[in-house]
Amino acid sequence: MKFILPLVLAIVVVIGIIVGLQSSTSNKKSNRDEPFNTNSHILHIFKNEALAGTSSIKLINIPEEFNYVKIDFINSGTKPFTFTINHGSNTGNAAMSGTIPADGKIHTFSNEKSWSTGEYYLNVSSAHKMSAAVDVDLMKRSHIE
């Protein structure tokens, strides 16, 4: 009888851990895991995606019709960092670049001319460890005008 309470408590803890792990992994889907909605005018690629360490590379695949990019950075670290978006490969032609100051504010970048479809690589780097987040949205021309 005295072993029942610890056994029940252990089972409840294990169930809680399993449920917590399942919910945390189910929320981490890439844009490739979600169905593509062609009726939407905005396609969210990254939402509050963490940037840490001294460098990070994120793939942005631009489908047909979604050829405008809006990117928001928040740098909550102590040093500025730089970014480039390269077309075709990690070292391809730079389509966009900038520096994000360490001020904790949202810094927004977007392209004025439409980009072609294909793969773009978001490269973020810092001389010191970053503490930042990025949102990337793709938009259709009709949503811009």
Protein backbone atom coordinates (compact mmCIF):
# COMPACT_ATOMS: atom_id res chain seq x y z
CA MET A 1 0.00 0.00 0.00
CA LYS A 2 2.82 2.44 0.80
CA PHE A 3 4.28 1.95 -2.73
CA ILE A 4 1.07 2.97 -4.54
CA LEU A 5 1.40 6.74 -4.00
CA PRO A 6 5.00 6.96 -5.31
CA LEU A 7 4.10 4.70 -8.25
CA VAL A 8 1.07 6.84 -9.19
CA LEU A 9 3.18 10.01 -8.85
CA ALA A 10 5.89 8.54 -11.11
CA ILE A 11 3.30 7.58 -13.74
CA VAL A 12 1.80 11.08 -13.69
CA VAL A 13 5.27 12.65 -14.10
CA VAL A 14 6.13 10.35 -17.03
CA ILE A 15 2.81 11.13 -18.75
CA GLY A 16 3.42 14.85 -18.25
CA ILE A 17 6.87 14.60 -19.81
CA ILE A 18 5.56 12.64 -22.80
CA VAL A 19 2.73 15.13 -23.41
CA GLY A 20 5.14 18.06 -23.09
CA LEU A 21 7.60 16.55 -25.57
CA GLN A 22 4.85 15.78 -28.08
CA SER A 23 3.43 19.30 -27.96
CA SER A 24 6.85 20.97 -28.28
CA THR A 25 7.89 18.88 -31.29
CA SER A 26 4.52 19.20 -33.02
CA ASN A 27 4.84 23.01 -33.02
CA LYS A 28 8.21 22.92 -34.79
CA LYS A 29 7.19 22.51 -38.43
CA SER A 30 9.07 23.92 -41.35
CA ASN A 31 7.32 25.70 -44.19
CA ARG A 32 7.66 22.49 -46.20
CA ASP A 33 5.48 20.57 -43.70
CA GLU A 34 2.50 22.88 -44.04
CA PRO A 35 0.07 22.77 -46.97
CA PHE A 36 0.59 25.51 -49.53
CA ASN A 37 -2.39 27.86 -49.73
CA THR A 38 -2.46 29.60 -53.11
CA ASN A 39 -5.43 31.77 -52.06
CA SER A 40 -3.44 33.47 -49.32
CA HIS A 41 -1.66 36.74 -50.04
CA ILE A 42 0.94 36.17 -47.30
CA LEU A 43 3.01 33.06 -46.72
CA HIS A 44 4.73 32.90 -43.32
CA ILE A 45 8.11 31.20 -43.62
CA PHE A 46 9.59 31.87 -40.18
CA LYS A 47 7.80 33.25 -37.15
CA ASN A 48 9.92 34.32 -34.18
CA GLU A 49 12.72 31.98 -35.33
CA ALA A 50 15.61 32.13 -32.85
CA LEU A 51 19.05 33.26 -34.01
CA ALA A 52 21.88 32.23 -31.70
CA GLY A 53 25.59 31.58 -31.82
CA THR A 54 27.86 33.51 -34.18
CA SER A 55 26.26 32.48 -37.48
CA SER A 56 23.11 30.99 -38.89
CA ILE A 57 21.85 30.01 -42.34
CA LYS A 58 18.14 29.65 -43.13
CA LEU A 59 16.69 28.46 -46.45
CA ILE A 60 13.85 30.50 -47.95
CA ASN A 61 12.14 28.80 -50.89
CA ILE A 62 10.15 31.33 -52.92
CA PRO A 63 7.30 29.72 -54.88
CA GLU A 64 5.63 31.22 -57.93
CA GLU A 65 3.57 34.39 -57.31
CA PHE A 66 5.15 35.02 -53.86
CA ASN A 67 8.05 37.17 -55.02
CA TYR A 68 8.09 39.89 -52.35
CA VAL A 69 9.85 39.33 -49.04
CA LYS A 70 9.31 41.10 -45.73
CA ILE A 71 11.80 40.27 -43.00
CA ASP A 72 11.70 41.49 -39.38
CA PHE A 73 14.63 41.19 -37.00
CA ILE A 74 14.75 41.82 -33.26
CA ASN A 75 18.24 41.94 -31.77
CA SER A 76 18.02 41.44 -28.01
CA GLY A 77 21.76 40.86 -27.73
CA THR A 78 24.51 43.28 -26.80
CA LYS A 79 26.22 43.60 -30.21
CA PRO A 80 24.96 44.32 -33.74
CA PHE A 81 24.86 41.58 -36.37
CA THR A 82 24.75 41.53 -40.16
CA PHE A 83 22.64 39.60 -42.63
CA THR A 84 22.58 38.85 -46.34
CA ILE A 85 20.02 37.04 -48.46
CA ASN A 86 21.74 35.24 -51.33
CA HIS A 87 20.00 33.85 -54.40
CA GLY A 88 20.67 30.32 -55.64
CA SER A 89 23.29 29.28 -53.10
CA ASN A 90 24.73 30.23 -49.75
CA THR A 91 27.35 32.34 -51.55
CA GLY A 92 25.21 33.43 -54.51
CA ASN A 93 24.31 36.95 -55.57
CA ALA A 94 23.28 39.10 -52.61
CA ALA A 95 19.66 40.14 -53.07
CA MET A 96 19.46 42.00 -49.74
CA SER A 97 21.76 42.84 -46.84
CA GLY A 98 21.90 44.97 -43.72
CA THR A 99 23.08 45.47 -40.16
CA ILE A 100 20.81 45.07 -37.14
CA PRO A 101 21.73 47.20 -34.11
CA ALA A 102 21.48 45.77 -30.59
CA ASP A 103 18.56 47.96 -29.52
CA GLY A 104 15.75 45.43 -28.96
CA LYS A 105 13.57 47.12 -31.61
CA ILE A 106 11.99 45.58 -34.71
CA HIS A 107 13.96 46.28 -37.89
CA THR A 108 12.04 45.57 -41.12
CA PHE A 109 13.48 45.00 -44.59
CA SER A 110 11.64 44.30 -47.85
CA ASN A 111 12.41 44.15 -51.55
CA GLU A 112 11.09 46.86 -53.88
CA LYS A 113 11.41 44.82 -57.09
CA SER A 114 10.03 41.30 -57.39
CA TRP A 115 12.38 38.37 -56.92
CA SER A 116 12.39 35.28 -59.09
CA THR A 117 11.24 31.95 -57.71
CA GLY A 118 13.77 29.59 -56.22
CA GLU A 119 16.03 29.17 -53.24
CA TYR A 120 17.34 32.08 -51.21
CA TYR A 121 19.66 31.75 -48.24
CA LEU A 122 19.41 34.01 -45.19
CA ASN A 123 22.91 34.30 -43.73
CA VAL A 124 23.23 35.95 -40.32
CA SER A 125 26.56 36.51 -38.59
CA SER A 126 28.01 38.27 -35.59
CA ALA A 127 31.42 38.60 -34.01
CA HIS A 128 29.76 37.76 -30.68
CA LYS A 129 27.01 35.34 -29.74
CA MET A 130 23.63 36.53 -30.97
CA SER A 131 20.39 36.72 -29.09
CA ALA A 132 17.84 37.57 -31.75
CA ALA A 133 14.71 36.47 -33.60
CA VAL A 134 13.55 36.72 -37.21
CA ASP A 135 10.19 36.66 -39.00
CA VAL A 136 10.09 36.06 -42.76
CA ASP A 137 6.91 36.55 -44.81
CA LEU A 138 6.43 36.15 -48.55
CA MET A 139 3.80 38.24 -50.28
CA LYS A 140 2.05 38.34 -53.64
CA ARG A 141 2.21 41.45 -55.79
CA SER A 142 -1.52 42.11 -55.34
CA HIS A 143 -1.00 42.32 -51.57
CA ILE A 144 1.72 44.98 -52.01
CA GLU A 145 -0.18 47.27 -54.38
